[in-house]
Amino acid sequence: MRLDRFLWFARLARTRDVAQAMACDGHLRIDGRPIDRAHAPVRIGNILTFFHGGRVRVLRVEALPLRRGPASEALACYQELALSQAEIGSHP
């Protein structure tokens, strides 16, 4: 699934345009790799790291949403990780 669609469907961005801007600004990482394109693929198990709402958020993709549904449905698509958990998981 495209990164911008995931961000929008999972309600991490208000609009698809905002989701595309988040992806293209280069401040978002997938599994530690900087991303600068909205069409980057997102898969189950990927770790997304980005600045949002005044803090760094680290999320593990748990499911790929089929639509932009209610917030409860969106929350089931990812798990919020503590920053230290993500750092431990990304280093060999």
PDB file of N, CA and C in Angstrom:
ATOM      1  N   MET A   1       0.844  -1.169   0.000  1.00  0.00           N
ATOM      2  CA  MET A   1       0.000   0.000   0.000  1.00  0.00           C
ATOM      3  C   MET A   1       0.895   1.239   0.000  1.00  0.00           C
ATOM      4  N   ARG A   2       0.481   2.260  -0.710  1.00  0.00           N
ATOM      5  CA  ARG A   2       1.233   3.518  -0.760  1.00  0.00           C
ATOM      6  C   ARG A   2       1.272   4.176   0.624  1.00  0.00           C
ATOM      7  N   LEU A   3       2.393   4.799   0.926  1.00  0.00           N
ATOM      8  CA  LEU A   3       2.577   5.453   2.214  1.00  0.00           C
ATOM      9  C   LEU A   3       1.528   6.529   2.462  1.00  0.00           C
ATOM     10  N   ASP A   4       1.269   7.381   1.472  1.00  0.00           N
ATOM     11  CA  ASP A   4       0.306   8.466   1.686  1.00  0.00           C
ATOM     12  C   ASP A   4      -1.096   7.922   1.958  1.00  0.00           C
ATOM     13  N   ARG A   5      -1.472   6.856   1.290  1.00  0.00           N
ATOM     14  CA  ARG A   5      -2.794   6.256   1.539  1.00  0.00           C
ATOM     15  C   ARG A   5      -2.859   5.659   2.933  1.00  0.00           C
ATOM     16  N   PHE A   6      -1.769   5.002   3.365  1.00  0.00           N
ATOM     17  CA  PHE A   6      -1.764   4.435   4.712  1.00  0.00           C
ATOM     18  C   PHE A   6      -1.925   5.533   5.755  1.00  0.00           C
ATOM     19  N   LEU A   7      -1.157   6.613   5.627  1.00  0.00           N
ATOM     20  CA  LEU A   7      -1.237   7.709   6.599  1.00  0.00           C
ATOM     21  C   LEU A   7      -2.644   8.292   6.660  1.00  0.00           C
ATOM     22  N   TRP A   8      -3.277   8.420   5.520  1.00  0.00           N
ATOM     23  CA  TRP A   8      -4.623   8.987   5.466  1.00  0.00           C
ATOM     24  C   TRP A   8      -5.660   7.992   5.991  1.00  0.00           C
ATOM     25  N   PHE A   9      -5.607   6.748   5.529  1.00  0.00           N
ATOM     26  CA  PHE A   9      -6.561   5.735   5.984  1.00  0.00           C
ATOM     27  C   PHE A   9      -6.444   5.495   7.491  1.00  0.00           C
ATOM     28  N   ALA A  10      -5.223   5.520   8.026  1.00  0.00           N
ATOM     29  CA  ALA A  10      -5.001   5.263   9.450  1.00  0.00           C
ATOM     30  C   ALA A  10      -5.225   6.514  10.300  1.00  0.00           C
ATOM     31  N   ARG A  11      -5.697   7.583   9.677  1.00  0.00           N
ATOM     32  CA  ARG A  11      -6.036   8.839  10.354  1.00  0.00           C
ATOM     33  C   ARG A  11      -4.838   9.485  11.043  1.00  0.00           C
ATOM     34  N   LEU A  12      -3.656   9.310  10.448  1.00  0.00           N
ATOM     35  CA  LEU A  12      -2.458   9.988  10.930  1.00  0.00           C
ATOM     36  C   LEU A  12      -2.289  11.322  10.225  1.00  0.00           C
ATOM     37  N   ALA A  13      -3.067  11.545   9.173  1.00  0.00           N
ATOM     38  CA  ALA A  13      -3.090  12.811   8.431  1.00  0.00           C
ATOM     39  C   ALA A  13      -4.548  13.152   8.135  1.00  0.00           C
ATOM     40  N   ARG A  14      -4.880  14.434   8.235  1.00  0.00           N
ATOM     41  CA  ARG A  14      -6.271  14.868   8.019  1.00  0.00           C
ATOM     42  C   ARG A  14      -6.734  14.690   6.577  1.00  0.00           C
ATOM     43  N   THR A  15      -5.838  14.967   5.624  1.00  0.00           N
ATOM     44  CA  THR A  15      -6.186  14.851   4.211  1.00  0.00           C
ATOM     45  C   THR A  15      -5.091  14.082   3.490  1.00  0.00           C
ATOM     46  N   ARG A  16      -5.396  13.632   2.291  1.00  0.00           N
ATOM     47  CA  ARG A  16      -4.389  12.916   1.509  1.00  0.00           C
ATOM     48  C   ARG A  16      -3.270  13.869   1.103  1.00  0.00           C
ATOM     49  N   ASP A  17      -3.595  15.141   0.842  1.00  0.00           N
ATOM     50  CA  ASP A  17      -2.561  16.126   0.513  1.00  0.00           C
ATOM     51  C   ASP A  17      -1.576  16.291   1.663  1.00  0.00           C
ATOM     52  N   VAL A  18      -2.081  16.334   2.881  1.00  0.00           N
ATOM     53  CA  VAL A  18      -1.205  16.439   4.053  1.00  0.00           C
ATOM     54  C   VAL A  18      -0.349  15.181   4.168  1.00  0.00           C
ATOM     55  N   ALA A  19      -0.936  14.030   3.909  1.00  0.00           N
ATOM     56  CA  ALA A  19      -0.190  12.770   3.953  1.00  0.00           C
ATOM     57  C   ALA A  19       0.928  12.764   2.915  1.00  0.00           C
ATOM     58  N   GLN A  20       0.643  13.262   1.710  1.00  0.00           N
ATOM     59  CA  GLN A  20       1.667  13.339   0.668  1.00  0.00           C
ATOM     60  C   GLN A  20       2.781  14.290   1.077  1.00  0.00           C
ATOM     61  N   ALA A  21       2.425  15.416   1.681  1.00  0.00           N
ATOM     62  CA  ALA A  21       3.434  16.379   2.131  1.00  0.00           C
ATOM     63  C   ALA A  21       4.305  15.771   3.228  1.00  0.00           C
ATOM     64  N   MET A  22       3.702  15.030   4.157  1.00  0.00           N
ATOM     65  CA  MET A  22       4.477  14.372   5.220  1.00  0.00           C
ATOM     66  C   MET A  22       5.511  13.435   4.610  1.00  0.00           C
ATOM     67  N   ALA A  23       5.108  12.698   3.594  1.00  0.00           N
ATOM     68  CA  ALA A  23       6.000  11.726   2.967  1.00  0.00           C
ATOM     69  C   ALA A  23       7.092  12.406   2.148  1.00  0.00           C
ATOM     70  N   CYS A  24       6.746  13.459   1.432  1.00  0.00           N
ATOM     71  CA  CYS A  24       7.692  14.106   0.519  1.00  0.00           C
ATOM     72  C   CYS A  24       8.664  15.048   1.215  1.00  0.00           C
ATOM     73  N   ASP A  25       8.370  15.454   2.442  1.00  0.00           N
ATOM     74  CA  ASP A  25       9.261  16.363   3.167  1.00  0.00           C
ATOM     75  C   ASP A  25      10.553  15.684   3.604  1.00  0.00           C
ATOM     76  N   GLY A  26      10.574  14.362   3.600  1.00  0.00           N
ATOM     77  CA  GLY A  26      11.785  13.641   3.964  1.00  0.00           C
ATOM     78  C   GLY A  26      11.983  13.484   5.459  1.00  0.00           C
ATOM     79  N   HIS A  27      10.959  13.786   6.255  1.00  0.00           N
ATOM     80  CA  HIS A  27      11.076  13.676   7.711  1.00  0.00           C
ATOM     81  C   HIS A  27      10.473  12.384   8.239  1.00  0.00           C
ATOM     82  N   LEU A  28      10.080  11.506   7.351  1.00  0.00           N
ATOM     83  CA  LEU A  28       9.459  10.250   7.739  1.00  0.00           C
ATOM     84  C   LEU A  28      10.405   9.109   7.377  1.00  0.00           C
ATOM     85  N   ARG A  29      10.459   8.104   8.234  1.00  0.00           N
ATOM     86  CA  ARG A  29      11.324   6.950   7.982  1.00  0.00           C
ATOM     87  C   ARG A  29      10.506   5.664   8.030  1.00  0.00           C
ATOM     88  N   ILE A  30      10.857   4.743   7.158  1.00  0.00           N
ATOM     89  CA  ILE A  30      10.294   3.393   7.191  1.00  0.00           C
ATOM     90  C   ILE A  30      11.447   2.450   7.476  1.00  0.00           C
ATOM     91  N   ASP A  31      11.367   1.747   8.589  1.00  0.00           N
ATOM     92  CA  ASP A  31      12.427   0.835   9.026  1.00  0.00           C
ATOM     93  C   ASP A  31      13.788   1.526   9.046  1.00  0.00           C
ATOM     94  N   GLY A  32      13.813   2.785   9.470  1.00  0.00           N
ATOM     95  CA  GLY A  32      15.058   3.528   9.608  1.00  0.00           C
ATOM     96  C   GLY A  32      15.548   4.212   8.345  1.00  0.00           C
ATOM     97  N   ARG A  33      14.910   3.957   7.197  1.00  0.00           N
ATOM     98  CA  ARG A  33      15.325   4.581   5.936  1.00  0.00           C
ATOM     99  C   ARG A  33      14.522   5.850   5.698  1.00  0.00           C
ATOM    100  N   PRO A  34      15.183   6.979   5.435  1.00  0.00           N
ATOM    101  CA  PRO A  34      14.440   8.212   5.127  1.00  0.00           C
ATOM    102  C   PRO A  34      13.630   8.045   3.838  1.00  0.00           C
ATOM    103  N   ILE A  35      12.415   8.555   3.847  1.00  0.00           N
ATOM    104  CA  ILE A  35      11.508   8.445   2.702  1.00  0.00           C
ATOM    105  C   ILE A  35      11.237   9.843   2.172  1.00  0.00           C
ATOM    106  N   ASP A  36      11.293   9.991   0.847  1.00  0.00           N
ATOM    107  CA  ASP A  36      11.021  11.302   0.245  1.00  0.00           C
ATOM    108  C   ASP A  36      10.001  11.201  -0.881  1.00  0.00           C
ATOM    109  N   ARG A  37       9.210  10.136  -0.871  1.00  0.00           N
ATOM    110  CA  ARG A  37       8.202   9.973  -1.921  1.00  0.00           C
ATOM    111  C   ARG A  37       6.930   9.373  -1.323  1.00  0.00           C
ATOM    112  N   ALA A  38       5.812   9.885  -1.789  1.00  0.00           N
ATOM    113  CA  ALA A  38       4.516   9.473  -1.246  1.00  0.00           C
ATOM    114  C   ALA A  38       4.131   8.058  -1.660  1.00  0.00           C
ATOM    115  N   HIS A  39       4.707   7.563  -2.741  1.00  0.00           N
ATOM    116  CA  HIS A  39       4.319   6.239  -3.229  1.00  0.00           C
ATOM    117  C   HIS A  39       5.186   5.110  -2.673  1.00  0.00           C
ATOM    118  N   ALA A  40       5.999   5.398  -1.657  1.00  0.00           N
ATOM    119  CA  ALA A  40       6.807   4.349  -1.037  1.00  0.00           C
ATOM    120  C   ALA A  40       5.879   3.270  -0.470  1.00  0.00           C
ATOM    121  N   PRO A  41       6.221   2.003  -0.656  1.00  0.00           N
ATOM    122  CA  PRO A  41       5.331   0.938  -0.180  1.00  0.00           C
ATOM    123  C   PRO A  41       5.407   0.745   1.338  1.00  0.00           C
ATOM    124  N   VAL A  42       4.261   0.486   1.933  1.00  0.00           N
ATOM    125  CA  VAL A  42       4.158   0.169   3.357  1.00  0.00           C
ATOM    126  C   VAL A  42       3.625  -1.251   3.459  1.00  0.00           C
ATOM    127  N   ARG A  43       4.266  -2.034   4.321  1.00  0.00           N
ATOM    128  CA  ARG A  43       3.858  -3.430   4.503  1.00  0.00           C
ATOM    129  C   ARG A  43       3.640  -3.710   5.987  1.00  0.00           C
ATOM    130  N   ILE A  44       2.923  -4.757   6.275  1.00  0.00           N
ATOM    131  CA  ILE A  44       2.715  -5.162   7.668  1.00  0.00           C
ATOM    132  C   ILE A  44       4.073  -5.477   8.284  1.00  0.00           C
ATOM    133  N   GLY A  45       4.300  -4.958   9.480  1.00  0.00           N
ATOM    134  CA  GLY A  45       5.562  -5.166  10.180  1.00  0.00           C
ATOM    135  C   GLY A  45       6.535  -4.011  10.047  1.00  0.00           C
ATOM    136  N   ASN A  46       6.304  -3.092   9.099  1.00  0.00           N
ATOM    137  CA  ASN A  46       7.172  -1.918   8.948  1.00  0.00           C
ATOM    138  C   ASN A  46       7.083  -1.034  10.187  1.00  0.00           C
ATOM    139  N   ILE A  47       8.196  -0.369  10.495  1.00  0.00           N
ATOM    140  CA  ILE A  47       8.247   0.607  11.582  1.00  0.00           C
ATOM    141  C   ILE A  47       8.289   1.989  10.950  1.00  0.00           C
ATOM    142  N   LEU A  48       7.308   2.830  11.266  1.00  0.00           N
ATOM    143  CA  LEU A  48       7.252   4.206  10.769  1.00  0.00           C
ATOM    144  C   LEU A  48       7.676   5.141  11.886  1.00  0.00           C
ATOM    145  N   THR A  49       8.568   6.073  11.573  1.00  0.00           N
ATOM    146  CA  THR A  49       9.035   7.064  12.533  1.00  0.00           C
ATOM    147  C   THR A  49       8.866   8.434  11.914  1.00  0.00           C
ATOM    148  N   PHE A  50       8.209   9.345  12.640  1.00  0.00           N
ATOM    149  CA  PHE A  50       7.982  10.692  12.117  1.00  0.00           C
ATOM    150  C   PHE A  50       7.613  11.634  13.251  1.00  0.00           C
ATOM    151  N   PHE A  51       7.744  12.925  12.981  1.00  0.00           N
ATOM    152  CA  PHE A  51       7.391  13.967  13.937  1.00  0.00           C
ATOM    153  C   PHE A  51       5.943  14.350  13.694  1.00  0.00           C
ATOM    154  N   HIS A  52       5.118  14.287  14.747  1.00  0.00           N
ATOM    155  CA  HIS A  52       3.682  14.563  14.585  1.00  0.00           C
ATOM    156  C   HIS A  52       3.117  15.027  15.927  1.00  0.00           C
ATOM    157  N   GLY A  53       2.411  16.122  15.907  1.00  0.00           N
ATOM    158  CA  GLY A  53       1.775  16.606  17.131  1.00  0.00           C
ATOM    159  C   GLY A  53       2.758  17.040  18.200  1.00  0.00           C
ATOM    160  N   GLY A  54       3.899  17.567  17.793  1.00  0.00           N
ATOM    161  CA  GLY A  54       4.879  18.060  18.747  1.00  0.00           C
ATOM    162  C   GLY A  54       5.774  17.001  19.363  1.00  0.00           C
ATOM    163  N   ARG A  55       5.743  15.786  18.831  1.00  0.00           N
ATOM    164  CA  ARG A  55       6.606  14.732  19.372  1.00  0.00           C
ATOM    165  C   ARG A  55       6.954  13.728  18.274  1.00  0.00           C
ATOM    166  N   VAL A  56       7.954  12.933  18.531  1.00  0.00           N
ATOM    167  CA  VAL A  56       8.342  11.876  17.596  1.00  0.00           C
ATOM    168  C   VAL A  56       7.441  10.674  17.864  1.00  0.00           C
ATOM    169  N   ARG A  57       6.833  10.167  16.804  1.00  0.00           N
ATOM    170  CA  ARG A  57       5.979   8.985  16.923  1.00  0.00           C
ATOM    171  C   ARG A  57       6.649   7.817  16.222  1.00  0.00           C
ATOM    172  N   VAL A  58       6.580   6.668  16.856  1.00  0.00           N
ATOM    173  CA  VAL A  58       7.127   5.433  16.301  1.00  0.00           C
ATOM    174  C   VAL A  58       5.996   4.411  16.299  1.00  0.00           C
ATOM    175  N   LEU A  59       5.661   3.920  15.104  1.00  0.00           N
ATOM    176  CA  LEU A  59       4.526   3.012  14.945  1.00  0.00           C
ATOM    177  C   LEU A  59       4.940   1.746  14.214  1.00  0.00           C
ATOM    178  N   ARG A  60       4.357   0.621  14.606  1.00  0.00           N
ATOM    179  CA  ARG A  60       4.524  -0.622  13.858  1.00  0.00           C
ATOM    180  C   ARG A  60       3.215  -0.872  13.108  1.00  0.00           C
ATOM    181  N   VAL A  61       3.318  -1.123  11.822  1.00  0.00           N
ATOM    182  CA  VAL A  61       2.138  -1.388  10.999  1.00  0.00           C
ATOM    183  C   VAL A  61       1.642  -2.796  11.330  1.00  0.00           C
ATOM    184  N   GLU A  62       0.405  -2.889  11.809  1.00  0.00           N
ATOM    185  CA  GLU A  62      -0.193  -4.170  12.196  1.00  0.00           C
ATOM    186  C   GLU A  62      -1.130  -4.715  11.123  1.00  0.00           C
ATOM    187  N   ALA A  63      -1.747  -3.819  10.351  1.00  0.00           N
ATOM    188  CA  ALA A  63      -2.682  -4.224   9.296  1.00  0.00           C
ATOM    189  C   ALA A  63      -2.758  -3.108   8.273  1.00  0.00           C
ATOM    190  N   LEU A  64      -3.124  -3.456   7.055  1.00  0.00           N
ATOM    191  CA  LEU A  64      -3.303  -2.459   6.005  1.00  0.00           C
ATOM    192  C   LEU A  64      -4.796  -2.178   5.863  1.00  0.00           C
ATOM    193  N   PRO A  65      -5.204  -0.943   6.118  1.00  0.00           N
ATOM    194  CA  PRO A  65      -6.634  -0.619   6.065  1.00  0.00           C
ATOM    195  C   PRO A  65      -7.166  -0.665   4.638  1.00  0.00           C
ATOM    196  N   LEU A  66      -8.426  -1.020   4.507  1.00  0.00           N
ATOM    197  CA  LEU A  66      -9.076  -1.070   3.200  1.00  0.00           C
ATOM    198  C   LEU A  66      -9.779   0.235   2.865  1.00  0.00           C
ATOM    199  N   ARG A  67     -10.021   1.055   3.901  1.00  0.00           N
ATOM    200  CA  ARG A  67     -10.734   2.320   3.706  1.00  0.00           C
ATOM    201  C   ARG A  67     -10.388   3.264   4.846  1.00  0.00           C
ATOM    202  N   ARG A  68     -10.824   4.502   4.723  1.00  0.00           N
ATOM    203  CA  ARG A  68     -10.684   5.462   5.815  1.00  0.00           C
ATOM    204  C   ARG A  68     -11.939   5.344   6.674  1.00  0.00           C
ATOM    205  N   GLY A  69     -11.876   4.501   7.653  1.00  0.00           N
ATOM    206  CA  GLY A  69     -13.030   4.236   8.502  1.00  0.00           C
ATOM    207  C   GLY A  69     -12.976   5.051   9.781  1.00  0.00           C
ATOM    208  N   PRO A  70     -13.736   4.637  10.776  1.00  0.00           N
ATOM    209  CA  PRO A  70     -13.745   5.346  12.056  1.00  0.00           C
ATOM    210  C   PRO A  70     -12.408   5.198  12.781  1.00  0.00           C
ATOM    211  N   ALA A  71     -12.208   6.039  13.783  1.00  0.00           N
ATOM    212  CA  ALA A  71     -10.942   6.057  14.515  1.00  0.00           C
ATOM    213  C   ALA A  71     -10.625   4.699  15.137  1.00  0.00           C
ATOM    214  N   SER A  72     -11.630   4.012  15.640  1.00  0.00           N
ATOM    215  CA  SER A  72     -11.386   2.704  16.256  1.00  0.00           C
ATOM    216  C   SER A  72     -10.827   1.708  15.242  1.00  0.00           C
ATOM    217  N   GLU A  73     -11.304   1.778  14.023  1.00  0.00           N
ATOM    218  CA  GLU A  73     -10.799   0.916  12.950  1.00  0.00           C
ATOM    219  C   GLU A  73      -9.368   1.310  12.578  1.00  0.00           C
ATOM    220  N   ALA A  74      -9.099   2.602  12.560  1.00  0.00           N
ATOM    221  CA  ALA A  74      -7.766   3.095  12.210  1.00  0.00           C
ATOM    222  C   ALA A  74      -6.735   2.692  13.264  1.00  0.00           C
ATOM    223  N   LEU A  75      -7.108   2.745  14.543  1.00  0.00           N
ATOM    224  CA  LEU A  75      -6.178   2.390  15.619  1.00  0.00           C
ATOM    225  C   LEU A  75      -5.749   0.925  15.561  1.00  0.00           C
ATOM    226  N   ALA A  76      -6.576   0.078  14.972  1.00  0.00           N
ATOM    227  CA  ALA A  76      -6.240  -1.340  14.857  1.00  0.00           C
ATOM    228  C   ALA A  76      -5.177  -1.594  13.793  1.00  0.00           C
ATOM    229  N   CYS A  77      -4.854  -0.587  12.994  1.00  0.00           N
ATOM    230  CA  CYS A  77      -3.900  -0.752  11.892  1.00  0.00           C
ATOM    231  C   CYS A  77      -2.452  -0.550  12.312  1.00  0.00           C
ATOM    232  N   TYR A  78      -2.232   0.013  13.492  1.00  0.00           N
ATOM    233  CA  TYR A  78      -0.858   0.243  13.939  1.00  0.00           C
ATOM    234  C   TYR A  78      -0.772   0.146  15.449  1.00  0.00           C
ATOM    235  N   GLN A  79       0.457  -0.077  15.914  1.00  0.00           N
ATOM    236  CA  GLN A  79       0.734  -0.115  17.344  1.00  0.00           C
ATOM    237  C   GLN A  79       1.771   0.953  17.640  1.00  0.00           C
ATOM    238  N   GLU A  80       1.482   1.787  18.611  1.00  0.00           N
ATOM    239  CA  GLU A  80       2.414   2.841  19.022  1.00  0.00           C
ATOM    240  C   GLU A  80       3.521   2.187  19.852  1.00  0.00           C
ATOM    241  N   LEU A  81       4.759   2.467  19.505  1.00  0.00           N
ATOM    242  CA  LEU A  81       5.903   1.917  20.227  1.00  0.00           C
ATOM    243  C   LEU A  81       6.575   3.023  21.017  1.00  0.00           C
ATOM    244  N   ALA A  82       7.168   2.651  22.129  1.00  0.00           N
ATOM    245  CA  ALA A  82       8.008   3.600  22.855  1.00  0.00           C
ATOM    246  C   ALA A  82       9.275   3.782  22.040  1.00  0.00           C
ATOM    247  N   LEU A  83       9.862   4.950  22.085  1.00  0.00           N
ATOM    248  CA  LEU A  83      11.050   5.238  21.286  1.00  0.00           C
ATOM    249  C   LEU A  83      12.171   4.251  21.592  1.00  0.00           C
ATOM    250  N   SER A  84      12.344   3.875  22.851  1.00  0.00           N
ATOM    251  CA  SER A  84      13.420   2.950  23.207  1.00  0.00           C
ATOM    252  C   SER A  84      13.180   1.563  22.610  1.00  0.00           C
ATOM    253  N   GLN A  85      11.922   1.107  22.531  1.00  0.00           N
ATOM    254  CA  GLN A  85      11.620  -0.185  21.913  1.00  0.00           C
ATOM    255  C   GLN A  85      11.992  -0.175  20.441  1.00  0.00           C
ATOM    256  N   ALA A  86      11.685   0.911  19.761  1.00  0.00           N
ATOM    257  CA  ALA A  86      11.981   1.004  18.332  1.00  0.00           C
ATOM    258  C   ALA A  86      13.481   1.034  18.098  1.00  0.00           C
ATOM    259  N   GLU A  87      14.214   1.748  18.947  1.00  0.00           N
ATOM    260  CA  GLU A  87      15.666   1.815  18.785  1.00  0.00           C
ATOM    261  C   GLU A  87      16.291   0.445  18.995  1.00  0.00           C
ATOM    262  N   ILE A  88      15.792  -0.299  19.959  1.00  0.00           N
ATOM    263  CA  ILE A  88      16.314  -1.639  20.215  1.00  0.00           C
ATOM    264  C   ILE A  88      16.034  -2.547  19.024  1.00  0.00           C
ATOM    265  N   GLY A  89      14.830  -2.450  18.457  1.00  0.00           N
ATOM    266  CA  GLY A  89      14.449  -3.301  17.341  1.00  0.00           C
ATOM    267  C   GLY A  89      15.157  -2.972  16.047  1.00  0.00           C
ATOM    268  N   SER A  90      15.622  -1.734  15.875  1.00  0.00           N
ATOM    269  CA  SER A  90      16.230  -1.355  14.604  1.00  0.00           C
ATOM    270  C   SER A  90      17.731  -1.617  14.558  1.00  0.00           C
ATOM    271  N   HIS A  91      18.355  -1.848  15.715  1.00  0.00           N
ATOM    272  CA  HIS A  91      19.800  -2.095  15.738  1.00  0.00           C
ATOM    273  C   HIS A  91      20.065  -3.585  15.884  1.00  0.00           C
ATOM    274  N   PRO A  92      20.987  -4.127  15.092  1.00  0.00           N
ATOM    275  CA  PRO A  92      21.293  -5.568  15.191  1.00  0.00           C
ATOM    276  C   PRO A  92      22.033  -5.925  16.452  1.00  0.00           C
TER     277      PRO A  92
END
